[in-house]
N, C-alpha and C. Protein backbone atom coordinates (compact mmCIF):
# COMPACT_ATOMS: atom_id res chain seq x y z
N MET A 1 -11.54 1.92 -14.10
CA MET A 1 -11.71 3.33 -13.87
C MET A 1 -10.46 4.04 -14.33
N THR A 2 -10.60 5.16 -14.97
CA THR A 2 -9.44 5.90 -15.46
C THR A 2 -9.06 6.99 -14.48
N SER A 3 -7.87 7.49 -14.67
CA SER A 3 -7.38 8.52 -13.76
C SER A 3 -8.16 9.82 -13.88
N THR A 4 -8.83 10.03 -15.01
CA THR A 4 -9.59 11.27 -15.16
C THR A 4 -10.83 11.28 -14.29
N SER A 5 -11.37 10.13 -13.93
CA SER A 5 -12.57 10.11 -13.11
C SER A 5 -12.25 10.06 -11.63
N ALA A 6 -11.01 9.91 -11.28
CA ALA A 6 -10.61 9.86 -9.87
C ALA A 6 -9.58 10.95 -9.61
N SER A 7 -10.02 12.00 -8.97
CA SER A 7 -9.10 13.11 -8.72
C SER A 7 -8.19 12.78 -7.56
N PRO A 8 -7.01 13.42 -7.49
CA PRO A 8 -6.12 13.12 -6.39
C PRO A 8 -6.68 13.55 -5.05
N SER A 9 -7.61 14.48 -5.05
CA SER A 9 -8.12 14.96 -3.78
C SER A 9 -9.31 14.15 -3.29
N GLN A 10 -9.94 13.39 -4.14
CA GLN A 10 -11.12 12.63 -3.77
C GLN A 10 -10.98 11.19 -4.25
N PRO A 11 -10.31 10.32 -3.47
CA PRO A 11 -10.25 8.93 -3.89
C PRO A 11 -11.66 8.36 -4.00
N PRO A 12 -11.88 7.44 -4.94
CA PRO A 12 -13.20 6.89 -5.13
C PRO A 12 -13.68 6.15 -3.89
N ASP A 13 -14.97 6.06 -3.75
CA ASP A 13 -15.59 5.33 -2.66
C ASP A 13 -15.52 3.85 -2.98
N PRO A 14 -14.71 3.06 -2.23
CA PRO A 14 -14.55 1.66 -2.56
C PRO A 14 -15.85 0.86 -2.44
N SER A 15 -16.82 1.35 -1.68
CA SER A 15 -18.07 0.61 -1.56
C SER A 15 -18.83 0.60 -2.88
N SER A 16 -18.50 1.54 -3.78
CA SER A 16 -19.17 1.60 -5.07
C SER A 16 -18.35 0.93 -6.17
N SER A 17 -17.30 0.22 -5.80
CA SER A 17 -16.47 -0.44 -6.79
C SER A 17 -16.21 -1.87 -6.37
N SER A 18 -15.42 -2.55 -7.16
CA SER A 18 -15.12 -3.94 -6.87
C SER A 18 -13.83 -4.11 -6.07
N PHE A 19 -13.26 -3.01 -5.57
CA PHE A 19 -12.04 -3.13 -4.79
C PHE A 19 -12.30 -3.89 -3.50
N ARG A 20 -11.45 -4.86 -3.23
CA ARG A 20 -11.59 -5.66 -2.01
C ARG A 20 -10.46 -5.31 -1.05
N PHE A 21 -10.86 -4.80 0.10
CA PHE A 21 -9.88 -4.49 1.13
C PHE A 21 -9.36 -5.77 1.76
N PRO A 22 -8.09 -5.79 2.18
CA PRO A 22 -7.55 -6.99 2.84
C PRO A 22 -8.22 -7.18 4.20
N ARG A 23 -8.14 -8.36 4.73
CA ARG A 23 -8.83 -8.66 5.99
C ARG A 23 -8.31 -7.79 7.14
N GLU A 24 -7.03 -7.39 7.11
CA GLU A 24 -6.47 -6.55 8.18
C GLU A 24 -7.20 -5.22 8.29
N TYR A 25 -7.72 -4.74 7.18
CA TYR A 25 -8.41 -3.45 7.14
C TYR A 25 -9.64 -3.46 8.07
N HIS A 26 -10.14 -4.62 8.37
CA HIS A 26 -11.35 -4.74 9.19
C HIS A 26 -11.04 -5.02 10.66
N PHE A 27 -9.76 -4.95 11.03
CA PHE A 27 -9.36 -5.14 12.43
C PHE A 27 -8.94 -3.79 13.01
N PRO A 28 -9.49 -3.41 14.16
CA PRO A 28 -9.14 -2.11 14.77
C PRO A 28 -7.64 -1.92 14.98
N ALA A 29 -6.91 -2.97 15.31
CA ALA A 29 -5.47 -2.84 15.58
C ALA A 29 -4.68 -2.38 14.35
N PHE A 30 -5.22 -2.61 13.15
CA PHE A 30 -4.55 -2.19 11.93
C PHE A 30 -4.42 -0.68 11.86
N PHE A 31 -5.31 0.04 12.52
CA PHE A 31 -5.34 1.50 12.50
C PHE A 31 -4.60 2.12 13.68
N THR A 32 -3.99 1.29 14.51
CA THR A 32 -3.26 1.76 15.68
C THR A 32 -1.78 1.41 15.53
N PRO A 33 -0.88 2.39 15.54
CA PRO A 33 0.56 2.07 15.41
C PRO A 33 0.99 1.09 16.50
N GLN A 34 1.63 0.04 16.09
CA GLN A 34 2.05 -1.01 17.02
C GLN A 34 3.39 -0.66 17.66
N PRO A 35 3.53 -0.89 18.98
CA PRO A 35 4.76 -0.50 19.68
C PRO A 35 5.96 -1.41 19.38
N ASN A 36 5.69 -2.68 19.09
CA ASN A 36 6.77 -3.62 18.79
C ASN A 36 7.32 -3.31 17.40
N LEU A 37 8.65 -3.15 17.28
CA LEU A 37 9.25 -2.74 16.01
C LEU A 37 8.98 -3.71 14.87
N THR A 38 9.07 -5.01 15.16
CA THR A 38 8.82 -6.01 14.12
C THR A 38 7.37 -5.97 13.66
N THR A 39 6.46 -5.87 14.60
CA THR A 39 5.04 -5.80 14.27
C THR A 39 4.72 -4.50 13.54
N HIS A 40 5.36 -3.41 13.98
CA HIS A 40 5.12 -2.12 13.33
C HIS A 40 5.62 -2.14 11.88
N HIS A 41 6.77 -2.76 11.64
CA HIS A 41 7.29 -2.87 10.28
C HIS A 41 6.33 -3.67 9.41
N ALA A 42 5.81 -4.76 9.94
CA ALA A 42 4.83 -5.57 9.20
C ALA A 42 3.58 -4.75 8.91
N GLN A 43 3.16 -3.94 9.87
CA GLN A 43 1.99 -3.09 9.71
C GLN A 43 2.22 -2.06 8.59
N LEU A 44 3.39 -1.42 8.58
CA LEU A 44 3.72 -0.45 7.53
C LEU A 44 3.76 -1.13 6.16
N THR A 45 4.29 -2.33 6.11
CA THR A 45 4.35 -3.09 4.86
C THR A 45 2.94 -3.37 4.34
N LYS A 46 2.04 -3.74 5.24
CA LYS A 46 0.66 -4.03 4.83
C LYS A 46 -0.07 -2.76 4.40
N TRP A 47 0.16 -1.65 5.10
CA TRP A 47 -0.44 -0.39 4.68
C TRP A 47 0.08 0.01 3.30
N SER A 48 1.37 -0.14 3.08
CA SER A 48 1.96 0.18 1.79
C SER A 48 1.31 -0.66 0.68
N SER A 49 1.18 -1.95 0.92
CA SER A 49 0.56 -2.84 -0.07
C SER A 49 -0.88 -2.44 -0.35
N LEU A 50 -1.60 -2.07 0.70
CA LEU A 50 -2.99 -1.65 0.55
C LEU A 50 -3.08 -0.38 -0.31
N ILE A 51 -2.26 0.61 -0.01
CA ILE A 51 -2.29 1.87 -0.76
C ILE A 51 -1.96 1.62 -2.23
N LEU A 52 -0.94 0.81 -2.50
CA LEU A 52 -0.55 0.52 -3.88
C LEU A 52 -1.64 -0.23 -4.62
N ALA A 53 -2.26 -1.22 -3.97
CA ALA A 53 -3.33 -1.98 -4.61
C ALA A 53 -4.54 -1.09 -4.89
N TYR A 54 -4.87 -0.25 -3.93
CA TYR A 54 -6.00 0.67 -4.06
C TYR A 54 -5.76 1.65 -5.21
N ALA A 55 -4.56 2.23 -5.24
CA ALA A 55 -4.21 3.19 -6.30
C ALA A 55 -4.22 2.52 -7.67
N LYS A 56 -3.68 1.32 -7.75
CA LYS A 56 -3.67 0.61 -9.03
C LYS A 56 -5.09 0.29 -9.49
N HIS A 57 -5.91 -0.20 -8.57
CA HIS A 57 -7.29 -0.56 -8.91
C HIS A 57 -8.05 0.65 -9.46
N HIS A 58 -7.85 1.81 -8.83
CA HIS A 58 -8.57 3.02 -9.22
C HIS A 58 -7.77 3.90 -10.18
N ARG A 59 -6.60 3.42 -10.60
CA ARG A 59 -5.69 4.17 -11.48
C ARG A 59 -5.43 5.57 -10.95
N LEU A 60 -5.11 5.63 -9.67
CA LEU A 60 -4.72 6.89 -9.04
C LEU A 60 -3.20 7.02 -9.13
N PHE A 61 -2.74 8.16 -9.57
CA PHE A 61 -1.31 8.40 -9.66
C PHE A 61 -0.84 9.35 -8.57
N LYS A 62 -1.77 10.13 -8.02
CA LYS A 62 -1.46 11.09 -6.97
C LYS A 62 -2.54 11.01 -5.90
N LEU A 63 -2.13 11.31 -4.68
CA LEU A 63 -3.07 11.42 -3.57
C LEU A 63 -2.86 12.74 -2.86
N SER A 64 -3.93 13.41 -2.54
CA SER A 64 -3.88 14.56 -1.66
C SER A 64 -4.07 14.00 -0.25
N LEU A 65 -3.04 14.09 0.57
CA LEU A 65 -3.09 13.45 1.88
C LEU A 65 -4.20 14.01 2.76
N SER A 66 -4.44 15.31 2.69
CA SER A 66 -5.49 15.89 3.54
C SER A 66 -6.87 15.36 3.15
N SER A 67 -7.14 15.21 1.87
CA SER A 67 -8.43 14.68 1.43
C SER A 67 -8.50 13.17 1.62
N ALA A 68 -7.39 12.49 1.34
CA ALA A 68 -7.38 11.03 1.46
C ALA A 68 -7.58 10.58 2.90
N ALA A 69 -7.17 11.41 3.86
CA ALA A 69 -7.32 11.06 5.28
C ALA A 69 -8.78 10.82 5.63
N GLU A 70 -9.68 11.49 4.93
CA GLU A 70 -11.11 11.34 5.19
C GLU A 70 -11.76 10.27 4.31
N SER A 71 -11.01 9.74 3.36
CA SER A 71 -11.58 8.76 2.44
C SER A 71 -11.62 7.37 3.06
N ASP A 72 -12.31 6.47 2.39
CA ASP A 72 -12.39 5.10 2.88
C ASP A 72 -11.05 4.37 2.82
N LEU A 73 -10.09 4.91 2.10
CA LEU A 73 -8.76 4.30 2.08
C LEU A 73 -8.15 4.29 3.47
N PHE A 74 -8.28 5.39 4.19
CA PHE A 74 -7.67 5.51 5.51
C PHE A 74 -8.69 5.56 6.65
N SER A 75 -9.96 5.45 6.32
CA SER A 75 -11.00 5.55 7.34
C SER A 75 -12.04 4.44 7.13
N ASN A 76 -12.07 3.49 8.05
CA ASN A 76 -13.05 2.40 7.98
C ASN A 76 -14.22 2.77 8.88
N ARG A 77 -15.26 3.27 8.28
CA ARG A 77 -16.42 3.72 9.05
C ARG A 77 -17.17 2.57 9.70
N ARG A 78 -17.08 1.41 9.11
CA ARG A 78 -17.79 0.24 9.65
C ARG A 78 -17.29 -0.13 11.04
N ILE A 79 -15.98 0.02 11.27
CA ILE A 79 -15.44 -0.30 12.60
C ILE A 79 -15.06 0.97 13.37
N ASN A 80 -15.40 2.12 12.78
CA ASN A 80 -15.16 3.42 13.41
C ASN A 80 -13.68 3.64 13.75
N ARG A 81 -12.82 3.37 12.77
CA ARG A 81 -11.36 3.57 12.92
C ARG A 81 -10.83 4.32 11.72
N HIS A 82 -9.79 5.12 11.96
CA HIS A 82 -9.12 5.81 10.87
C HIS A 82 -7.64 5.95 11.20
N LEU A 83 -6.86 6.15 10.16
CA LEU A 83 -5.43 6.40 10.34
C LEU A 83 -5.24 7.91 10.41
N GLY A 84 -4.58 8.39 11.44
CA GLY A 84 -4.36 9.82 11.62
C GLY A 84 -3.37 10.40 10.63
N PRO A 85 -3.39 11.72 10.43
CA PRO A 85 -2.49 12.37 9.47
C PRO A 85 -1.00 12.05 9.70
N ALA A 86 -0.55 12.05 10.95
CA ALA A 86 0.86 11.74 11.23
C ALA A 86 1.18 10.30 10.86
N ASP A 87 0.24 9.40 11.11
CA ASP A 87 0.45 7.98 10.77
C ASP A 87 0.44 7.77 9.26
N ILE A 88 -0.41 8.52 8.56
CA ILE A 88 -0.43 8.43 7.09
C ILE A 88 0.92 8.88 6.54
N ARG A 89 1.45 9.98 7.07
CA ARG A 89 2.77 10.45 6.61
C ARG A 89 3.86 9.43 6.92
N GLN A 90 3.73 8.73 8.04
CA GLN A 90 4.73 7.71 8.37
C GLN A 90 4.68 6.57 7.34
N VAL A 91 3.48 6.19 6.92
CA VAL A 91 3.35 5.15 5.89
C VAL A 91 3.94 5.66 4.57
N ILE A 92 3.64 6.91 4.21
CA ILE A 92 4.17 7.48 2.96
C ILE A 92 5.70 7.54 3.02
N ASP A 93 6.27 7.92 4.16
CA ASP A 93 7.73 7.94 4.31
C ASP A 93 8.31 6.54 4.16
N PHE A 94 7.62 5.54 4.69
CA PHE A 94 8.03 4.14 4.53
C PHE A 94 8.03 3.77 3.04
N MET A 95 6.98 4.18 2.33
CA MET A 95 6.87 3.89 0.90
C MET A 95 7.95 4.62 0.10
N ARG A 96 8.31 5.84 0.53
CA ARG A 96 9.35 6.60 -0.15
C ARG A 96 10.68 5.86 -0.13
N LYS A 97 10.98 5.22 0.99
CA LYS A 97 12.26 4.49 1.12
C LYS A 97 12.35 3.36 0.11
N ASP A 98 11.20 2.84 -0.32
CA ASP A 98 11.16 1.75 -1.29
C ASP A 98 10.95 2.28 -2.71
N GLY A 99 10.89 3.61 -2.87
CA GLY A 99 10.68 4.19 -4.19
C GLY A 99 9.24 4.08 -4.67
N ARG A 100 8.30 3.87 -3.77
CA ARG A 100 6.89 3.70 -4.14
C ARG A 100 6.05 4.95 -3.91
N ALA A 101 6.65 6.01 -3.39
CA ALA A 101 5.93 7.27 -3.19
C ALA A 101 6.94 8.40 -3.26
N GLU A 102 6.43 9.57 -3.64
CA GLU A 102 7.28 10.76 -3.73
C GLU A 102 6.39 11.98 -3.57
N TYR A 103 6.83 12.92 -2.75
CA TYR A 103 6.07 14.16 -2.61
C TYR A 103 6.15 14.95 -3.90
N ALA A 104 5.02 15.48 -4.35
CA ALA A 104 5.02 16.34 -5.54
C ALA A 104 5.87 17.56 -5.22
N GLY A 105 6.73 17.91 -6.14
CA GLY A 105 7.65 19.02 -5.89
C GLY A 105 8.94 18.55 -5.26
N GLY A 106 9.09 17.27 -5.05
CA GLY A 106 10.31 16.70 -4.49
C GLY A 106 10.26 16.59 -2.98
N ASP A 107 11.22 15.92 -2.43
CA ASP A 107 11.26 15.66 -0.99
C ASP A 107 11.52 16.91 -0.17
N LYS A 108 11.94 18.01 -0.81
CA LYS A 108 12.19 19.25 -0.07
C LYS A 108 10.90 19.81 0.53
N VAL A 109 9.75 19.48 -0.07
CA VAL A 109 8.48 19.98 0.45
C VAL A 109 7.80 18.96 1.35
N LYS A 110 8.55 17.96 1.76
CA LYS A 110 8.01 16.85 2.55
C LYS A 110 7.17 17.32 3.73
N GLU A 111 7.71 18.19 4.53
CA GLU A 111 7.03 18.60 5.76
C GLU A 111 5.68 19.23 5.48
N GLY A 112 5.61 20.11 4.50
CA GLY A 112 4.35 20.79 4.23
C GLY A 112 3.62 20.25 3.02
N GLY A 113 4.21 19.28 2.34
CA GLY A 113 3.62 18.76 1.12
C GLY A 113 2.34 17.99 1.39
N ASP A 114 1.38 18.16 0.50
CA ASP A 114 0.11 17.47 0.66
C ASP A 114 -0.11 16.45 -0.45
N VAL A 115 0.42 16.71 -1.64
CA VAL A 115 0.19 15.81 -2.76
C VAL A 115 1.38 14.86 -2.91
N VAL A 116 1.04 13.59 -3.07
CA VAL A 116 2.05 12.54 -3.14
C VAL A 116 1.81 11.70 -4.39
N TYR A 117 2.88 11.45 -5.15
CA TYR A 117 2.81 10.47 -6.24
C TYR A 117 2.83 9.09 -5.59
N VAL A 118 1.94 8.22 -6.04
CA VAL A 118 1.91 6.85 -5.55
C VAL A 118 2.31 5.97 -6.74
N TYR A 119 3.45 5.31 -6.59
CA TYR A 119 4.00 4.52 -7.69
C TYR A 119 3.64 3.05 -7.57
N TRP A 120 2.41 2.72 -8.00
CA TRP A 120 2.06 1.30 -8.08
C TRP A 120 2.85 0.65 -9.21
N ARG A 121 3.38 1.46 -10.08
CA ARG A 121 4.46 1.10 -11.00
C ARG A 121 5.49 2.21 -10.86
N LYS A 122 6.72 1.84 -10.61
CA LYS A 122 7.78 2.84 -10.50
C LYS A 122 8.03 3.46 -11.87
N PRO A 123 8.60 4.69 -11.91
CA PRO A 123 8.89 5.31 -13.21
C PRO A 123 9.72 4.40 -14.13
N GLU A 124 10.62 3.62 -13.57
CA GLU A 124 11.41 2.69 -14.39
C GLU A 124 10.53 1.61 -15.01
N GLU A 125 9.52 1.18 -14.28
CA GLU A 125 8.58 0.18 -14.81
C GLU A 125 7.71 0.78 -15.91
N TRP A 126 7.26 2.03 -15.69
CA TRP A 126 6.49 2.71 -16.74
C TRP A 126 7.36 2.93 -17.97
N ALA A 127 8.63 3.26 -17.76
CA ALA A 127 9.55 3.46 -18.89
C ALA A 127 9.61 2.19 -19.74
N GLY A 128 9.67 1.04 -19.08
CA GLY A 128 9.67 -0.23 -19.80
C GLY A 128 8.41 -0.44 -20.62
N LEU A 129 7.26 -0.04 -20.06
CA LEU A 129 5.99 -0.17 -20.80
C LEU A 129 5.94 0.78 -21.99
N VAL A 130 6.44 2.01 -21.80
CA VAL A 130 6.48 2.97 -22.92
C VAL A 130 7.38 2.43 -24.02
N GLU A 131 8.55 1.95 -23.62
CA GLU A 131 9.49 1.42 -24.61
C GLU A 131 8.89 0.22 -25.36
N ALA A 132 8.22 -0.66 -24.64
CA ALA A 132 7.57 -1.82 -25.26
C ALA A 132 6.46 -1.38 -26.22
N TYR A 133 5.69 -0.37 -25.83
CA TYR A 133 4.62 0.15 -26.69
C TYR A 133 5.20 0.70 -27.99
N VAL A 134 6.26 1.49 -27.87
CA VAL A 134 6.90 2.08 -29.07
C VAL A 134 7.44 0.97 -29.96
N GLU A 135 8.05 -0.02 -29.36
CA GLU A 135 8.60 -1.15 -30.11
C GLU A 135 7.49 -1.96 -30.79
N ASP A 136 6.44 -2.28 -30.03
CA ASP A 136 5.33 -3.11 -30.55
C ASP A 136 4.55 -2.42 -31.66
N THR A 137 4.51 -1.10 -31.63
CA THR A 137 3.76 -0.35 -32.64
C THR A 137 4.68 0.20 -33.74
N ALA A 138 5.92 -0.25 -33.74
CA ALA A 138 6.90 0.12 -34.78
C ALA A 138 7.03 1.64 -34.93
N GLN A 139 7.21 2.33 -33.79
CA GLN A 139 7.31 3.78 -33.83
C GLN A 139 8.69 4.29 -33.43
N LYS A 140 9.68 3.40 -33.41
CA LYS A 140 11.05 3.86 -33.15
C LYS A 140 11.46 4.79 -34.27
N GLY A 141 12.13 5.87 -33.91
CA GLY A 141 12.55 6.85 -34.89
C GLY A 141 11.50 7.91 -35.15
N SER A 142 10.30 7.69 -34.64
CA SER A 142 9.25 8.68 -34.85
C SER A 142 9.11 9.60 -33.64
N VAL A 143 8.34 10.66 -33.83
CA VAL A 143 8.10 11.62 -32.75
C VAL A 143 6.63 11.48 -32.33
N LEU A 144 6.42 11.34 -31.04
CA LEU A 144 5.07 11.26 -30.49
C LEU A 144 4.90 12.38 -29.48
N THR A 145 3.69 12.86 -29.37
CA THR A 145 3.41 13.86 -28.34
C THR A 145 3.03 13.14 -27.05
N VAL A 146 3.10 13.87 -25.95
CA VAL A 146 2.68 13.32 -24.67
C VAL A 146 1.22 12.91 -24.75
N TYR A 147 0.41 13.73 -25.42
CA TYR A 147 -1.01 13.41 -25.60
C TYR A 147 -1.19 12.08 -26.31
N GLU A 148 -0.43 11.85 -27.38
CA GLU A 148 -0.54 10.59 -28.12
C GLU A 148 -0.19 9.38 -27.25
N LEU A 149 0.75 9.58 -26.33
CA LEU A 149 1.16 8.47 -25.46
C LEU A 149 0.15 8.15 -24.37
N THR A 150 -0.64 9.14 -23.95
CA THR A 150 -1.58 8.89 -22.85
C THR A 150 -3.04 8.88 -23.28
N ASP A 151 -3.37 9.63 -24.32
CA ASP A 151 -4.78 9.74 -24.69
C ASP A 151 -5.05 9.48 -26.16
N GLY A 152 -4.04 9.11 -26.89
CA GLY A 152 -4.21 8.86 -28.32
C GLY A 152 -4.94 7.56 -28.59
N GLU A 153 -5.48 7.46 -29.79
CA GLU A 153 -6.21 6.26 -30.19
C GLU A 153 -5.34 5.00 -30.07
N GLY A 154 -4.05 5.14 -30.38
CA GLY A 154 -3.16 3.98 -30.35
C GLY A 154 -2.95 3.39 -28.97
N THR A 155 -3.18 4.18 -27.93
CA THR A 155 -2.96 3.67 -26.57
C THR A 155 -4.23 3.13 -25.92
N ARG A 156 -5.37 3.30 -26.57
CA ARG A 156 -6.62 2.75 -26.00
C ARG A 156 -6.44 1.26 -25.75
N GLY A 157 -6.84 0.83 -24.59
CA GLY A 157 -6.71 -0.59 -24.25
C GLY A 157 -5.34 -0.95 -23.68
N THR A 158 -4.43 0.02 -23.61
CA THR A 158 -3.13 -0.25 -23.01
C THR A 158 -3.06 0.42 -21.64
N GLU A 159 -2.08 0.04 -20.85
CA GLU A 159 -1.91 0.65 -19.53
C GLU A 159 -1.49 2.10 -19.61
N LEU A 160 -0.99 2.53 -20.75
CA LEU A 160 -0.56 3.92 -20.91
C LEU A 160 -1.75 4.87 -21.03
N HIS A 161 -2.88 4.37 -21.51
CA HIS A 161 -4.04 5.23 -21.74
C HIS A 161 -4.55 5.82 -20.42
N GLY A 162 -4.65 7.14 -20.39
CA GLY A 162 -5.13 7.83 -19.20
C GLY A 162 -4.08 8.04 -18.13
N MET A 163 -2.83 7.77 -18.47
CA MET A 163 -1.74 7.91 -17.51
C MET A 163 -1.53 9.37 -17.14
N ASP A 164 -1.14 9.62 -15.91
CA ASP A 164 -0.85 10.96 -15.44
C ASP A 164 0.37 11.51 -16.19
N ASN A 165 0.26 12.74 -16.69
CA ASN A 165 1.36 13.34 -17.47
C ASN A 165 2.65 13.49 -16.68
N ASP A 166 2.55 13.84 -15.40
CA ASP A 166 3.77 14.00 -14.59
C ASP A 166 4.50 12.67 -14.43
N VAL A 167 3.75 11.60 -14.21
CA VAL A 167 4.37 10.28 -14.07
C VAL A 167 4.96 9.84 -15.41
N LEU A 168 4.24 10.13 -16.49
CA LEU A 168 4.78 9.81 -17.82
C LEU A 168 6.09 10.53 -18.05
N LEU A 169 6.16 11.81 -17.68
CA LEU A 169 7.41 12.57 -17.88
C LEU A 169 8.55 11.97 -17.06
N LYS A 170 8.26 11.48 -15.87
CA LYS A 170 9.29 10.82 -15.07
C LYS A 170 9.78 9.56 -15.79
N ALA A 171 8.85 8.82 -16.38
CA ALA A 171 9.22 7.61 -17.13
C ALA A 171 10.02 7.96 -18.38
N LEU A 172 9.59 9.02 -19.06
CA LEU A 172 10.32 9.43 -20.27
C LEU A 172 11.73 9.89 -19.93
N ASN A 173 11.89 10.56 -18.79
CA ASN A 173 13.24 10.97 -18.37
C ASN A 173 14.13 9.77 -18.09
N VAL A 174 13.55 8.67 -17.62
CA VAL A 174 14.32 7.43 -17.45
C VAL A 174 14.83 6.97 -18.83
N LEU A 175 13.95 7.03 -19.84
CA LEU A 175 14.35 6.62 -21.19
C LEU A 175 15.40 7.56 -21.77
N VAL A 176 15.30 8.85 -21.46
CA VAL A 176 16.30 9.82 -21.92
C VAL A 176 17.66 9.47 -21.32
N LYS A 177 17.69 9.16 -20.02
CA LYS A 177 18.95 8.81 -19.36
C LYS A 177 19.54 7.54 -19.94
N ARG A 178 18.69 6.64 -20.41
CA ARG A 178 19.17 5.39 -21.02
C ARG A 178 19.54 5.57 -22.49
N GLY A 179 19.34 6.78 -23.04
CA GLY A 179 19.65 7.03 -24.44
C GLY A 179 18.62 6.47 -25.39
N LYS A 180 17.40 6.24 -24.91
CA LYS A 180 16.34 5.63 -25.73
C LYS A 180 15.34 6.65 -26.25
N ALA A 181 15.41 7.90 -25.74
CA ALA A 181 14.44 8.91 -26.15
C ALA A 181 15.03 10.30 -25.99
N GLN A 182 14.40 11.25 -26.64
CA GLN A 182 14.77 12.67 -26.50
C GLN A 182 13.46 13.45 -26.39
N ILE A 183 13.39 14.33 -25.39
CA ILE A 183 12.20 15.16 -25.18
C ILE A 183 12.52 16.56 -25.68
N PHE A 184 11.58 17.16 -26.39
CA PHE A 184 11.77 18.53 -26.85
C PHE A 184 10.42 19.24 -26.93
N GLY A 185 10.47 20.56 -27.06
CA GLY A 185 9.25 21.37 -27.12
C GLY A 185 8.98 22.05 -25.80
N SER A 186 7.86 22.77 -25.73
CA SER A 186 7.48 23.46 -24.50
C SER A 186 6.49 22.59 -23.72
N GLU A 187 6.22 23.01 -22.50
CA GLU A 187 5.42 22.19 -21.59
C GLU A 187 4.05 21.81 -22.16
N ASP A 188 3.41 22.71 -22.89
CA ASP A 188 2.07 22.40 -23.39
C ASP A 188 2.09 21.63 -24.71
N SER A 189 3.25 21.45 -25.30
CA SER A 189 3.32 20.67 -26.54
C SER A 189 4.63 19.89 -26.62
N LEU A 190 4.86 19.04 -25.62
CA LEU A 190 6.07 18.24 -25.59
C LEU A 190 6.03 17.13 -26.62
N GLY A 191 7.16 16.94 -27.28
CA GLY A 191 7.30 15.84 -28.22
C GLY A 191 8.41 14.93 -27.72
N VAL A 192 8.32 13.67 -28.11
CA VAL A 192 9.33 12.68 -27.70
C VAL A 192 9.74 11.89 -28.93
N LYS A 193 11.05 11.85 -29.17
CA LYS A 193 11.58 11.01 -30.26
C LYS A 193 12.19 9.78 -29.61
N PHE A 194 11.85 8.63 -30.15
CA PHE A 194 12.34 7.36 -29.60
C PHE A 194 13.40 6.76 -30.51
N PHE A 195 14.46 6.24 -29.89
CA PHE A 195 15.57 5.64 -30.62
C PHE A 195 15.58 4.14 -30.41
């Protein structure tokens, strides 16, 4: 499934796909914050892994927390359990500490922010894939548009195809900091030169 068919506000219905939820997802206690610190940390780790696996499977780059709270990702209708909004934010904050999530607009909007980038690949990992693609296709020294990197014919069949533009820009900025690329142009027609 590509990111264009899965909007950030409406995660896909896992019952209509091949995504397999972990066994913990089917236990009521998984949806209840555990009082023991060690157990709670393990619970947050498992929730983080579930969100990352789900996002990767469905190629989701962003989640709208208010909409996702009602989705099957956070609500198991079969056992009549769901993760509450405050608990979802606690999981997202846990993921932020590991660099696996970021509020859109930066952490300054954390309290009121609803949209979250979910990094099933961190921007540094995406930067490595972009760099490898440019190297493998012998395009060093050339200029590519953002469109060519995410929706161009050359990226069909690669992990870059259908990638979220905001996440791509974060990855490209990693390459700029490393001296491997230069971004120029305006927002609607960005070009990238690779070195």
